[in-house]
Amino acid sequence: MAVLATSNQQQYNMMIYDVIGYIAGGLTLISSIPQLIKIIKTKNVEGVSSGTFVILVCAQFLWTIYGFYKNDLQLIITNIVSGIISLCILIIYMFLLIKRNKTSHIGDGGTSSNV
């Protein structure tokens, strides 16, 4: 009977940790969405650190590889989706930065030395 109780306790503990993993994964997934929405709505990337998102995309890529190694679906899905969101932020960031630079050069006849 004690073995059964221990087994049930172990299953319960594993379930709790799975729930914690899913909650952490969900929070990770949605953590960059407010930034993405703000950038899309305002079309302004001032104050956004591109370096942060470059590091984040690299980390999410590595976590995804680790997830495949550990055969952990939570890690794989969370980091693939989060990586896509972070990559979208970087792409929009670069697009808006290029667009802003082209617009500023048009206004000064293209002779500006500011880059």
PDB file of N, CA and C in Angstrom:
ATOM      1  N   MET A   1       0.811  -1.185   0.000  1.00  0.00           N
ATOM      2  CA  MET A   1       0.000   0.000   0.000  1.00  0.00           C
ATOM      3  C   MET A   1       0.865   1.264   0.000  1.00  0.00           C
ATOM      4  N   ALA A   2       1.982   1.227   0.727  1.00  0.00           N
ATOM      5  CA  ALA A   2       2.877   2.382   0.791  1.00  0.00           C
ATOM      6  C   ALA A   2       3.487   2.676  -0.575  1.00  0.00           C
ATOM      7  N   VAL A   3       3.753   1.615  -1.341  1.00  0.00           N
ATOM      8  CA  VAL A   3       4.304   1.790  -2.687  1.00  0.00           C
ATOM      9  C   VAL A   3       3.287   2.495  -3.577  1.00  0.00           C
ATOM     10  N   LEU A   4       2.022   2.115  -3.467  1.00  0.00           N
ATOM     11  CA  LEU A   4       0.962   2.743  -4.249  1.00  0.00           C
ATOM     12  C   LEU A   4       0.827   4.217  -3.887  1.00  0.00           C
ATOM     13  N   ALA A   5       0.894   4.528  -2.608  1.00  0.00           N
ATOM     14  CA  ALA A   5       0.793   5.919  -2.160  1.00  0.00           C
ATOM     15  C   ALA A   5       1.968   6.729  -2.690  1.00  0.00           C
ATOM     16  N   THR A   6       3.153   6.157  -2.646  1.00  0.00           N
ATOM     17  CA  THR A   6       4.338   6.845  -3.160  1.00  0.00           C
ATOM     18  C   THR A   6       4.213   7.071  -4.657  1.00  0.00           C
ATOM     19  N   SER A   7       3.719   6.078  -5.375  1.00  0.00           N
ATOM     20  CA  SER A   7       3.535   6.199  -6.816  1.00  0.00           C
ATOM     21  C   SER A   7       2.520   7.289  -7.147  1.00  0.00           C
ATOM     22  N   ASN A   8       1.416   7.315  -6.400  1.00  0.00           N
ATOM     23  CA  ASN A   8       0.405   8.352  -6.627  1.00  0.00           C
ATOM     24  C   ASN A   8       0.968   9.735  -6.323  1.00  0.00           C
ATOM     25  N   GLN A   9       1.768   9.836  -5.273  1.00  0.00           N
ATOM     26  CA  GLN A   9       2.376  11.123  -4.912  1.00  0.00           C
ATOM     27  C   GLN A   9       3.347  11.580  -6.005  1.00  0.00           C
ATOM     28  N   GLN A  10       4.110  10.644  -6.543  1.00  0.00           N
ATOM     29  CA  GLN A  10       5.047  10.977  -7.613  1.00  0.00           C
ATOM     30  C   GLN A  10       4.303  11.449  -8.853  1.00  0.00           C
ATOM     31  N   GLN A  11       3.202  10.781  -9.197  1.00  0.00           N
ATOM     32  CA  GLN A  11       2.393  11.191 -10.347  1.00  0.00           C
ATOM     33  C   GLN A  11       1.795  12.572 -10.112  1.00  0.00           C
ATOM     34  N   TYR A  12       1.320  12.819  -8.895  1.00  0.00           N
ATOM     35  CA  TYR A  12       0.754  14.121  -8.554  1.00  0.00           C
ATOM     36  C   TYR A  12       1.823  15.211  -8.673  1.00  0.00           C
ATOM     37  N   ASN A  13       3.016  14.938  -8.156  1.00  0.00           N
ATOM     38  CA  ASN A  13       4.117  15.904  -8.241  1.00  0.00           C
ATOM     39  C   ASN A  13       4.489  16.184  -9.694  1.00  0.00           C
ATOM     40  N   MET A  14       4.549  15.142 -10.520  1.00  0.00           N
ATOM     41  CA  MET A  14       4.859  15.321 -11.933  1.00  0.00           C
ATOM     42  C   MET A  14       3.788  16.172 -12.607  1.00  0.00           C
ATOM     43  N   MET A  15       2.524  15.947 -12.256  1.00  0.00           N
ATOM     44  CA  MET A  15       1.439  16.714 -12.845  1.00  0.00           C
ATOM     45  C   MET A  15       1.553  18.191 -12.456  1.00  0.00           C
ATOM     46  N   ILE A  16       1.886  18.456 -11.194  1.00  0.00           N
ATOM     47  CA  ILE A  16       2.061  19.840 -10.728  1.00  0.00           C
ATOM     48  C   ILE A  16       3.176  20.517 -11.515  1.00  0.00           C
ATOM     49  N   TYR A  17       4.295  19.815 -11.683  1.00  0.00           N
ATOM     50  CA  TYR A  17       5.416  20.395 -12.423  1.00  0.00           C
ATOM     51  C   TYR A  17       5.066  20.586 -13.902  1.00  0.00           C
ATOM     52  N   ASP A  18       4.272  19.703 -14.463  1.00  0.00           N
ATOM     53  CA  ASP A  18       3.805  19.894 -15.839  1.00  0.00           C
ATOM     54  C   ASP A  18       2.951  21.148 -15.950  1.00  0.00           C
ATOM     55  N   VAL A  19       2.057  21.348 -14.987  1.00  0.00           N
ATOM     56  CA  VAL A  19       1.212  22.548 -14.987  1.00  0.00           C
ATOM     57  C   VAL A  19       2.083  23.793 -14.875  1.00  0.00           C
ATOM     58  N   ILE A  20       3.070  23.770 -13.988  1.00  0.00           N
ATOM     59  CA  ILE A  20       3.991  24.896 -13.851  1.00  0.00           C
ATOM     60  C   ILE A  20       4.715  25.137 -15.173  1.00  0.00           C
ATOM     61  N   GLY A  21       5.135  24.080 -15.836  1.00  0.00           N
ATOM     62  CA  GLY A  21       5.809  24.194 -17.131  1.00  0.00           C
ATOM     63  C   GLY A  21       4.914  24.813 -18.188  1.00  0.00           C
ATOM     64  N   TYR A  22       3.643  24.398 -18.220  1.00  0.00           N
ATOM     65  CA  TYR A  22       2.711  24.962 -19.194  1.00  0.00           C
ATOM     66  C   TYR A  22       2.440  26.440 -18.908  1.00  0.00           C
ATOM     67  N   ILE A  23       2.310  26.798 -17.641  1.00  0.00           N
ATOM     68  CA  ILE A  23       2.087  28.204 -17.287  1.00  0.00           C
ATOM     69  C   ILE A  23       3.316  29.044 -17.671  1.00  0.00           C
ATOM     70  N   ALA A  24       4.499  28.556 -17.336  1.00  0.00           N
ATOM     71  CA  ALA A  24       5.732  29.272 -17.694  1.00  0.00           C
ATOM     72  C   ALA A  24       5.850  29.403 -19.205  1.00  0.00           C
ATOM     73  N   GLY A  25       5.539  28.336 -19.917  1.00  0.00           N
ATOM     74  CA  GLY A  25       5.584  28.383 -21.379  1.00  0.00           C
ATOM     75  C   GLY A  25       4.590  29.387 -21.947  1.00  0.00           C
ATOM     76  N   GLY A  26       3.395  29.400 -21.394  1.00  0.00           N
ATOM     77  CA  GLY A  26       2.381  30.348 -21.850  1.00  0.00           C
ATOM     78  C   GLY A  26       2.795  31.787 -21.609  1.00  0.00           C
ATOM     79  N   LEU A  27       3.364  32.050 -20.439  1.00  0.00           N
ATOM     80  CA  LEU A  27       3.839  33.407 -20.139  1.00  0.00           C
ATOM     81  C   LEU A  27       4.993  33.807 -21.064  1.00  0.00           C
ATOM     82  N   THR A  28       5.872  32.856 -21.331  1.00  0.00           N
ATOM     83  CA  THR A  28       6.968  33.126 -22.264  1.00  0.00           C
ATOM     84  C   THR A  28       6.417  33.443 -23.648  1.00  0.00           C
ATOM     85  N   LEU A  29       5.413  32.678 -24.051  1.00  0.00           N
ATOM     86  CA  LEU A  29       4.802  32.906 -25.359  1.00  0.00           C
ATOM     87  C   LEU A  29       4.235  34.305 -25.504  1.00  0.00           C
ATOM     88  N   ILE A  30       3.552  34.784 -24.476  1.00  0.00           N
ATOM     89  CA  ILE A  30       2.863  36.065 -24.602  1.00  0.00           C
ATOM     90  C   ILE A  30       3.722  37.255 -24.182  1.00  0.00           C
ATOM     91  N   SER A  31       4.919  37.015 -23.671  1.00  0.00           N
ATOM     92  CA  SER A  31       5.726  38.107 -23.120  1.00  0.00           C
ATOM     93  C   SER A  31       6.103  39.179 -24.141  1.00  0.00           C
ATOM     94  N   SER A  32       6.310  38.825 -25.388  1.00  0.00           N
ATOM     95  CA  SER A  32       6.715  39.809 -26.403  1.00  0.00           C
ATOM     96  C   SER A  32       5.544  40.347 -27.210  1.00  0.00           C
ATOM     97  N   ILE A  33       4.371  39.791 -27.021  1.00  0.00           N
ATOM     98  CA  ILE A  33       3.211  40.219 -27.811  1.00  0.00           C
ATOM     99  C   ILE A  33       2.858  41.690 -27.573  1.00  0.00           C
ATOM    100  N   PRO A  34       2.865  42.205 -26.327  1.00  0.00           N
ATOM    101  CA  PRO A  34       2.571  43.635 -26.164  1.00  0.00           C
ATOM    102  C   PRO A  34       3.532  44.541 -26.940  1.00  0.00           C
ATOM    103  N   GLN A  35       4.815  44.188 -26.969  1.00  0.00           N
ATOM    104  CA  GLN A  35       5.795  44.974 -27.724  1.00  0.00           C
ATOM    105  C   GLN A  35       5.489  44.917 -29.214  1.00  0.00           C
ATOM    106  N   LEU A  36       5.157  43.737 -29.714  1.00  0.00           N
ATOM    107  CA  LEU A  36       4.825  43.575 -31.130  1.00  0.00           C
ATOM    108  C   LEU A  36       3.599  44.404 -31.494  1.00  0.00           C
ATOM    109  N   ILE A  37       2.568  44.356 -30.674  1.00  0.00           N
ATOM    110  CA  ILE A  37       1.347  45.124 -30.929  1.00  0.00           C
ATOM    111  C   ILE A  37       1.647  46.620 -30.924  1.00  0.00           C
ATOM    112  N   LYS A  38       2.434  47.075 -29.953  1.00  0.00           N
ATOM    113  CA  LYS A  38       2.772  48.495 -29.877  1.00  0.00           C
ATOM    114  C   LYS A  38       3.527  48.955 -31.115  1.00  0.00           C
ATOM    115  N   ILE A  39       4.477  48.167 -31.566  1.00  0.00           N
ATOM    116  CA  ILE A  39       5.254  48.524 -32.758  1.00  0.00           C
ATOM    117  C   ILE A  39       4.351  48.580 -33.985  1.00  0.00           C
ATOM    118  N   ILE A  40       3.473  47.609 -34.123  1.00  0.00           N
ATOM    119  CA  ILE A  40       2.577  47.572 -35.287  1.00  0.00           C
ATOM    120  C   ILE A  40       1.625  48.764 -35.264  1.00  0.00           C
ATOM    121  N   LYS A  41       1.052  49.073 -34.102  1.00  0.00           N
ATOM    122  CA  LYS A  41       0.091  50.178 -33.995  1.00  0.00           C
ATOM    123  C   LYS A  41       0.741  51.539 -34.212  1.00  0.00           C
ATOM    124  N   THR A  42       1.896  51.757 -33.580  1.00  0.00           N
ATOM    125  CA  THR A  42       2.517  53.083 -33.625  1.00  0.00           C
ATOM    126  C   THR A  42       3.489  53.250 -34.792  1.00  0.00           C
ATOM    127  N   LYS A  43       3.915  52.136 -35.366  1.00  0.00           N
ATOM    128  CA  LYS A  43       4.954  52.145 -36.397  1.00  0.00           C
ATOM    129  C   LYS A  43       6.180  52.927 -35.918  1.00  0.00           C
ATOM    130  N   ASN A  44       6.481  52.764 -34.639  1.00  0.00           N
ATOM    131  CA  ASN A  44       7.592  53.457 -34.019  1.00  0.00           C
ATOM    132  C   ASN A  44       8.409  52.448 -33.212  1.00  0.00           C
ATOM    133  N   VAL A  45       9.704  52.403 -33.471  1.00  0.00           N
ATOM    134  CA  VAL A  45      10.574  51.461 -32.760  1.00  0.00           C
ATOM    135  C   VAL A  45      11.534  52.177 -31.812  1.00  0.00           C
ATOM    136  N   GLU A  46      11.296  53.461 -31.603  1.00  0.00           N
ATOM    137  CA  GLU A  46      12.133  54.206 -30.681  1.00  0.00           C
ATOM    138  C   GLU A  46      12.000  53.604 -29.279  1.00  0.00           C
ATOM    139  N   GLY A  47      13.112  53.365 -28.657  1.00  0.00           N
ATOM    140  CA  GLY A  47      13.106  52.783 -27.325  1.00  0.00           C
ATOM    141  C   GLY A  47      13.138  51.260 -27.316  1.00  0.00           C
ATOM    142  N   VAL A  48      13.045  50.641 -28.490  1.00  0.00           N
ATOM    143  CA  VAL A  48      13.104  49.181 -28.578  1.00  0.00           C
ATOM    144  C   VAL A  48      14.569  48.791 -28.777  1.00  0.00           C
ATOM    145  N   SER A  49      15.040  47.881 -27.977  1.00  0.00           N
ATOM    146  CA  SER A  49      16.418  47.417 -28.082  1.00  0.00           C
ATOM    147  C   SER A  49      16.489  46.228 -29.041  1.00  0.00           C
ATOM    148  N   SER A  50      17.059  46.461 -30.204  1.00  0.00           N
ATOM    149  CA  SER A  50      17.190  45.358 -31.166  1.00  0.00           C
ATOM    150  C   SER A  50      18.122  44.286 -30.617  1.00  0.00           C
ATOM    151  N   GLY A  51      19.139  44.693 -29.865  1.00  0.00           N
ATOM    152  CA  GLY A  51      20.076  43.730 -29.283  1.00  0.00           C
ATOM    153  C   GLY A  51      19.398  42.736 -28.362  1.00  0.00           C
ATOM    154  N   THR A  52      18.424  43.221 -27.602  1.00  0.00           N
ATOM    155  CA  THR A  52      17.668  42.340 -26.719  1.00  0.00           C
ATOM    156  C   THR A  52      16.966  41.261 -27.518  1.00  0.00           C
ATOM    157  N   PHE A  53      16.344  41.648 -28.615  1.00  0.00           N
ATOM    158  CA  PHE A  53      15.593  40.673 -29.402  1.00  0.00           C
ATOM    159  C   PHE A  53      16.506  39.756 -30.210  1.00  0.00           C
ATOM    160  N   VAL A  54      17.690  40.227 -30.598  1.00  0.00           N
ATOM    161  CA  VAL A  54      18.659  39.344 -31.256  1.00  0.00           C
ATOM    162  C   VAL A  54      19.087  38.248 -30.274  1.00  0.00           C
ATOM    163  N   ILE A  55      19.413  38.652 -29.060  1.00  0.00           N
ATOM    164  CA  ILE A  55      19.811  37.679 -28.031  1.00  0.00           C
ATOM    165  C   ILE A  55      18.655  36.730 -27.730  1.00  0.00           C
ATOM    166  N   LEU A  56      17.443  37.272 -27.642  1.00  0.00           N
ATOM    167  CA  LEU A  56      16.266  36.460 -27.340  1.00  0.00           C
ATOM    168  C   LEU A  56      16.013  35.415 -28.429  1.00  0.00           C
ATOM    169  N   VAL A  57      16.123  35.812 -29.698  1.00  0.00           N
ATOM    170  CA  VAL A  57      15.917  34.858 -30.801  1.00  0.00           C
ATOM    171  C   VAL A  57      16.977  33.757 -30.742  1.00  0.00           C
ATOM    172  N   CYS A  58      18.221  34.135 -30.481  1.00  0.00           N
ATOM    173  CA  CYS A  58      19.290  33.124 -30.371  1.00  0.00           C
ATOM    174  C   CYS A  58      19.014  32.165 -29.216  1.00  0.00           C
ATOM    175  N   ALA A  59      18.614  32.707 -28.074  1.00  0.00           N
ATOM    176  CA  ALA A  59      18.313  31.865 -26.913  1.00  0.00           C
ATOM    177  C   ALA A  59      17.146  30.931 -27.205  1.00  0.00           C
ATOM    178  N   GLN A  60      16.113  31.445 -27.858  1.00  0.00           N
ATOM    179  CA  GLN A  60      14.946  30.612 -28.160  1.00  0.00           C
ATOM    180  C   GLN A  60      15.303  29.516 -29.161  1.00  0.00           C
ATOM    181  N   PHE A  61      16.183  29.828 -30.090  1.00  0.00           N
ATOM    182  CA  PHE A  61      16.654  28.815 -31.035  1.00  0.00           C
ATOM    183  C   PHE A  61      17.389  27.701 -30.286  1.00  0.00           C
ATOM    184  N   LEU A  62      18.273  28.093 -29.370  1.00  0.00           N
ATOM    185  CA  LEU A  62      19.024  27.098 -28.603  1.00  0.00           C
ATOM    186  C   LEU A  62      18.115  26.283 -27.680  1.00  0.00           C
ATOM    187  N   TRP A  63      17.124  26.945 -27.055  1.00  0.00           N
ATOM    188  CA  TRP A  63      16.162  26.218 -26.214  1.00  0.00           C
ATOM    189  C   TRP A  63      15.367  25.221 -27.058  1.00  0.00           C
ATOM    190  N   THR A  64      15.061  25.583 -28.296  1.00  0.00           N
ATOM    191  CA  THR A  64      14.334  24.666 -29.175  1.00  0.00           C
ATOM    192  C   THR A  64      15.183  23.429 -29.472  1.00  0.00           C
ATOM    193  N   ILE A  65      16.446  23.648 -29.776  1.00  0.00           N
ATOM    194  CA  ILE A  65      17.350  22.510 -30.007  1.00  0.00           C
ATOM    195  C   ILE A  65      17.407  21.628 -28.763  1.00  0.00           C
ATOM    196  N   TYR A  66      17.535  22.253 -27.604  1.00  0.00           N
ATOM    197  CA  TYR A  66      17.571  21.508 -26.351  1.00  0.00           C
ATOM    198  C   TYR A  66      16.260  20.740 -26.137  1.00  0.00           C
ATOM    199  N   GLY A  67      15.150  21.357 -26.489  1.00  0.00           N
ATOM    200  CA  GLY A  67      13.846  20.695 -26.377  1.00  0.00           C
ATOM    201  C   GLY A  67      13.777  19.442 -27.236  1.00  0.00           C
ATOM    202  N   PHE A  68      14.334  19.521 -28.448  1.00  0.00           N
ATOM    203  CA  PHE A  68      14.370  18.328 -29.301  1.00  0.00           C
ATOM    204  C   PHE A  68      15.262  17.251 -28.683  1.00  0.00           C
ATOM    205  N   TYR A  69      16.394  17.675 -28.139  1.00  0.00           N
ATOM    206  CA  TYR A  69      17.303  16.729 -27.502  1.00  0.00           C
ATOM    207  C   TYR A  69      16.625  16.025 -26.329  1.00  0.00           C
ATOM    208  N   LYS A  70      15.888  16.792 -25.513  1.00  0.00           N
ATOM    209  CA  LYS A  70      15.208  16.231 -24.349  1.00  0.00           C
ATOM    210  C   LYS A  70      13.846  15.634 -24.692  1.00  0.00           C
ATOM    211  N   ASN A  71      13.434  15.785 -25.954  1.00  0.00           N
ATOM    212  CA  ASN A  71      12.122  15.318 -26.397  1.00  0.00           C
ATOM    213  C   ASN A  71      11.003  15.951 -25.543  1.00  0.00           C
ATOM    214  N   ASP A  72      11.129  17.268 -25.342  1.00  0.00           N
ATOM    215  CA  ASP A  72      10.219  18.012 -24.486  1.00  0.00           C
ATOM    216  C   ASP A  72       9.364  18.948 -25.346  1.00  0.00           C
ATOM    217  N   LEU A  73       8.126  18.551 -25.552  1.00  0.00           N
ATOM    218  CA  LEU A  73       7.224  19.304 -26.422  1.00  0.00           C
ATOM    219  C   LEU A  73       6.960  20.707 -25.893  1.00  0.00           C
ATOM    220  N   GLN A  74       6.905  20.878 -24.569  1.00  0.00           N
ATOM    221  CA  GLN A  74       6.701  22.211 -23.993  1.00  0.00           C
ATOM    222  C   GLN A  74       7.809  23.164 -24.430  1.00  0.00           C
ATOM    223  N   LEU A  75       9.044  22.731 -24.298  1.00  0.00           N
ATOM    224  CA  LEU A  75      10.171  23.572 -24.699  1.00  0.00           C
ATOM    225  C   LEU A  75      10.158  23.859 -26.188  1.00  0.00           C
ATOM    226  N   ILE A  76       9.869  22.853 -26.969  1.00  0.00           N
ATOM    227  CA  ILE A  76       9.897  23.004 -28.421  1.00  0.00           C
ATOM    228  C   ILE A  76       8.849  24.010 -28.891  1.00  0.00           C
ATOM    229  N   ILE A  77       7.607  23.785 -28.521  1.00  0.00           N
ATOM    230  CA  ILE A  77       6.513  24.643 -28.990  1.00  0.00           C
ATOM    231  C   ILE A  77       6.663  26.062 -28.454  1.00  0.00           C
ATOM    232  N   THR A  78       6.914  26.190 -27.161  1.00  0.00           N
ATOM    233  CA  THR A  78       7.051  27.516 -26.546  1.00  0.00           C
ATOM    234  C   THR A  78       8.130  28.336 -27.234  1.00  0.00           C
ATOM    235  N   ASN A  79       9.266  27.739 -27.459  1.00  0.00           N
ATOM    236  CA  ASN A  79      10.386  28.502 -28.002  1.00  0.00           C
ATOM    237  C   ASN A  79      10.292  28.720 -29.505  1.00  0.00           C
ATOM    238  N   ILE A  80       9.664  27.814 -30.228  1.00  0.00           N
ATOM    239  CA  ILE A  80       9.446  28.068 -31.656  1.00  0.00           C
ATOM    240  C   ILE A  80       8.497  29.245 -31.835  1.00  0.00           C
ATOM    241  N   VAL A  81       7.370  29.216 -31.140  1.00  0.00           N
ATOM    242  CA  VAL A  81       6.389  30.297 -31.289  1.00  0.00           C
ATOM    243  C   VAL A  81       6.949  31.615 -30.756  1.00  0.00           C
ATOM    244  N   SER A  82       7.594  31.588 -29.594  1.00  0.00           N
ATOM    245  CA  SER A  82       8.195  32.805 -29.037  1.00  0.00           C
ATOM    246  C   SER A  82       9.288  33.343 -29.962  1.00  0.00           C
ATOM    247  N   GLY A  83      10.046  32.446 -30.537  1.00  0.00           N
ATOM    248  CA  GLY A  83      11.095  32.853 -31.478  1.00  0.00           C
ATOM    249  C   GLY A  83      10.520  33.521 -32.711  1.00  0.00           C
ATOM    250  N   ILE A  84       9.403  32.998 -33.201  1.00  0.00           N
ATOM    251  CA  ILE A  84       8.749  33.610 -34.364  1.00  0.00           C
ATOM    252  C   ILE A  84       8.270  35.020 -34.014  1.00  0.00           C
ATOM    253  N   ILE A  85       7.676  35.184 -32.838  1.00  0.00           N
ATOM    254  CA  ILE A  85       7.210  36.506 -32.404  1.00  0.00           C
ATOM    255  C   ILE A  85       8.398  37.467 -32.290  1.00  0.00           C
ATOM    256  N   SER A  86       9.468  37.030 -31.661  1.00  0.00           N
ATOM    257  CA  SER A  86      10.658  37.879 -31.504  1.00  0.00           C
ATOM    258  C   SER A  86      11.280  38.205 -32.855  1.00  0.00           C
ATOM    259  N   LEU A  87      11.290  37.236 -33.746  1.00  0.00           N
ATOM    260  CA  LEU A  87      11.825  37.457 -35.091  1.00  0.00           C
ATOM    261  C   LEU A  87      10.965  38.467 -35.855  1.00  0.00           C
ATOM    262  N   CYS A  88       9.652  38.391 -35.686  1.00  0.00           N
ATOM    263  CA  CYS A  88       8.751  39.376 -36.309  1.00  0.00           C
ATOM    264  C   CYS A  88       9.073  40.777 -35.805  1.00  0.00           C
ATOM    265  N   ILE A  89       9.320  40.903 -34.504  1.00  0.00           N
ATOM    266  CA  ILE A  89       9.679  42.210 -33.941  1.00  0.00           C
ATOM    267  C   ILE A  89      10.969  42.720 -34.578  1.00  0.00           C
ATOM    268  N   LEU A  90      11.954  41.851 -34.717  1.00  0.00           N
ATOM    269  CA  LEU A  90      13.220  42.256 -35.337  1.00  0.00           C
ATOM    270  C   LEU A  90      13.040  42.664 -36.796  1.00  0.00           C
ATOM    271  N   ILE A  91      12.248  41.902 -37.534  1.00  0.00           N
ATOM    272  CA  ILE A  91      12.025  42.210 -38.951  1.00  0.00           C
ATOM    273  C   ILE A  91      11.308  43.548 -39.097  1.00  0.00           C
ATOM    274  N   ILE A  92      10.257  43.752 -38.304  1.00  0.00           N
ATOM    275  CA  ILE A  92       9.533  45.025 -38.353  1.00  0.00           C
ATOM    276  C   ILE A  92      10.454  46.159 -37.915  1.00  0.00           C
ATOM    277  N   TYR A  93      11.254  45.924 -36.892  1.00  0.00           N
ATOM    278  CA  TYR A  93      12.216  46.919 -36.411  1.00  0.00           C
ATOM    279  C   TYR A  93      13.137  47.349 -37.552  1.00  0.00           C
ATOM    280  N   MET A  94      13.728  46.381 -38.232  1.00  0.00           N
ATOM    281  CA  MET A  94      14.649  46.690 -39.333  1.00  0.00           C
ATOM    282  C   MET A  94      13.928  47.397 -40.477  1.00  0.00           C
ATOM    283  N   PHE A  95      12.747  46.921 -40.815  1.00  0.00           N
ATOM    284  CA  PHE A  95      11.962  47.533 -41.887  1.00  0.00           C
ATOM    285  C   PHE A  95      11.663  49.000 -41.567  1.00  0.00           C
ATOM    286  N   LEU A  96      11.187  49.276 -40.356  1.00  0.00           N
ATOM    287  CA  LEU A  96      10.855  50.648 -39.979  1.00  0.00           C
ATOM    288  C   LEU A  96      12.104  51.521 -39.877  1.00  0.00           C
ATOM    289  N   LEU A  97      13.205  50.956 -39.440  1.00  0.00           N
ATOM    290  CA  LEU A  97      14.459  51.706 -39.362  1.00  0.00           C
ATOM    291  C   LEU A  97      14.940  52.079 -40.765  1.00  0.00           C
ATOM    292  N   ILE A  98      14.895  51.143 -41.686  1.00  0.00           N
ATOM    293  CA  ILE A  98      15.289  51.412 -43.074  1.00  0.00           C
ATOM    294  C   ILE A  98      14.360  52.452 -43.690  1.00  0.00           C
ATOM    295  N   LYS A  99      13.062  52.300 -43.457  1.00  0.00           N
ATOM    296  CA  LYS A  99      12.079  53.239 -43.995  1.00  0.00           C
ATOM    297  C   LYS A  99      12.322  54.644 -43.442  1.00  0.00           C
ATOM    298  N   ARG A 100      12.601  54.730 -42.139  1.00  0.00           N
ATOM    299  CA  ARG A 100      12.860  56.037 -41.519  1.00  0.00           C
ATOM    300  C   ARG A 100      14.119  56.676 -42.093  1.00  0.00           C
ATOM    301  N   ASN A 101      15.161  55.870 -42.297  1.00  0.00           N
ATOM    302  CA  ASN A 101      16.404  56.400 -42.854  1.00  0.00           C
ATOM    303  C   ASN A 101      16.228  56.878 -44.288  1.00  0.00           C
ATOM    304  N   LYS A 102      15.455  56.140 -45.086  1.00  0.00           N
ATOM    305  CA  LYS A 102      15.196  56.567 -46.463  1.00  0.00           C
ATOM    306  C   LYS A 102      14.409  57.867 -46.476  1.00  0.00           C
ATOM    307  N   THR A 103      13.433  57.977 -45.593  1.00  0.00           N
ATOM    308  CA  THR A 103      12.608  59.179 -45.523  1.00  0.00           C
ATOM    309  C   THR A 103      13.445  60.377 -45.088  1.00  0.00           C
ATOM    310  N   SER A 104      14.344  60.192 -44.131  1.00  0.00           N
ATOM    311  CA  SER A 104      15.163  61.312 -43.672  1.00  0.00           C
ATOM    312  C   SER A 104      16.145  61.752 -44.746  1.00  0.00           C
ATOM    313  N   HIS A 105      16.622  60.846 -45.590  1.00  0.00           N
ATOM    314  CA  HIS A 105      17.533  61.208 -46.676  1.00  0.00           C
ATOM    315  C   HIS A 105      16.793  61.916 -47.803  1.00  0.00           C
ATOM    316  N   ILE A 106      15.546  61.568 -48.018  1.00  0.00           N
ATOM    317  CA  ILE A 106      14.755  62.231 -49.064  1.00  0.00           C
ATOM    318  C   ILE A 106      14.519  63.691 -48.678  1.00  0.00           C
ATOM    319  N   GLY A 107      14.258  63.937 -47.399  1.00  0.00           N
ATOM    320  CA  GLY A 107      13.970  65.293 -46.928  1.00  0.00           C
ATOM    321  C   GLY A 107      15.156  66.228 -47.033  1.00  0.00           C
ATOM    322  N   ASP A 108      16.383  65.691 -46.981  1.00  0.00           N
ATOM    323  CA  ASP A 108      17.546  66.571 -47.045  1.00  0.00           C
ATOM    324  C   ASP A 108      18.290  66.444 -48.374  1.00  0.00           C
ATOM    325  N   GLY A 109      17.612  65.911 -49.357  1.00  0.00           N
ATOM    326  CA  GLY A 109      18.217  65.784 -50.673  1.00  0.00           C
ATOM    327  C   GLY A 109      19.220  64.659 -50.775  1.00  0.00           C
ATOM    328  N   GLY A 110      19.260  63.804 -49.746  1.00  0.00           N
ATOM    329  CA  GLY A 110      20.161  62.655 -49.778  1.00  0.00           C
ATOM    330  C   GLY A 110      21.594  63.008 -49.456  1.00  0.00           C
ATOM    331  N   THR A 111      21.838  64.217 -48.934  1.00  0.00           N
ATOM    332  CA  THR A 111      23.207  64.624 -48.659  1.00  0.00           C
ATOM    333  C   THR A 111      23.592  64.517 -47.202  1.00  0.00           C
ATOM    334  N   SER A 112      22.698  63.988 -46.399  1.00  0.00           N
ATOM    335  CA  SER A 112      22.969  63.898 -44.964  1.00  0.00           C
ATOM    336  C   SER A 112      24.052  62.877 -44.682  1.00  0.00           C
ATOM    337  N   SER A 113      24.886  63.213 -43.718  1.00  0.00           N
ATOM    338  CA  SER A 113      25.915  62.240 -43.309  1.00  0.00           C
ATOM    339  C   SER A 113      25.474  61.466 -42.073  1.00  0.00           C
ATOM    340  N   ASN A 114      24.261  61.744 -41.557  1.00  0.00           N
ATOM    341  CA  ASN A 114      23.728  61.008 -40.397  1.00  0.00           C
ATOM    342  C   ASN A 114      23.260  59.642 -40.824  1.00  0.00           C
ATOM    343  N   VAL A 115      23.718  58.622 -40.125  1.00  0.00           N
ATOM    344  CA  VAL A 115      23.288  57.258 -40.436  1.00  0.00           C
ATOM    345  C   VAL A 115      22.693  56.630 -39.237  1.00  0.00           C
TER     346      VAL A 115
END
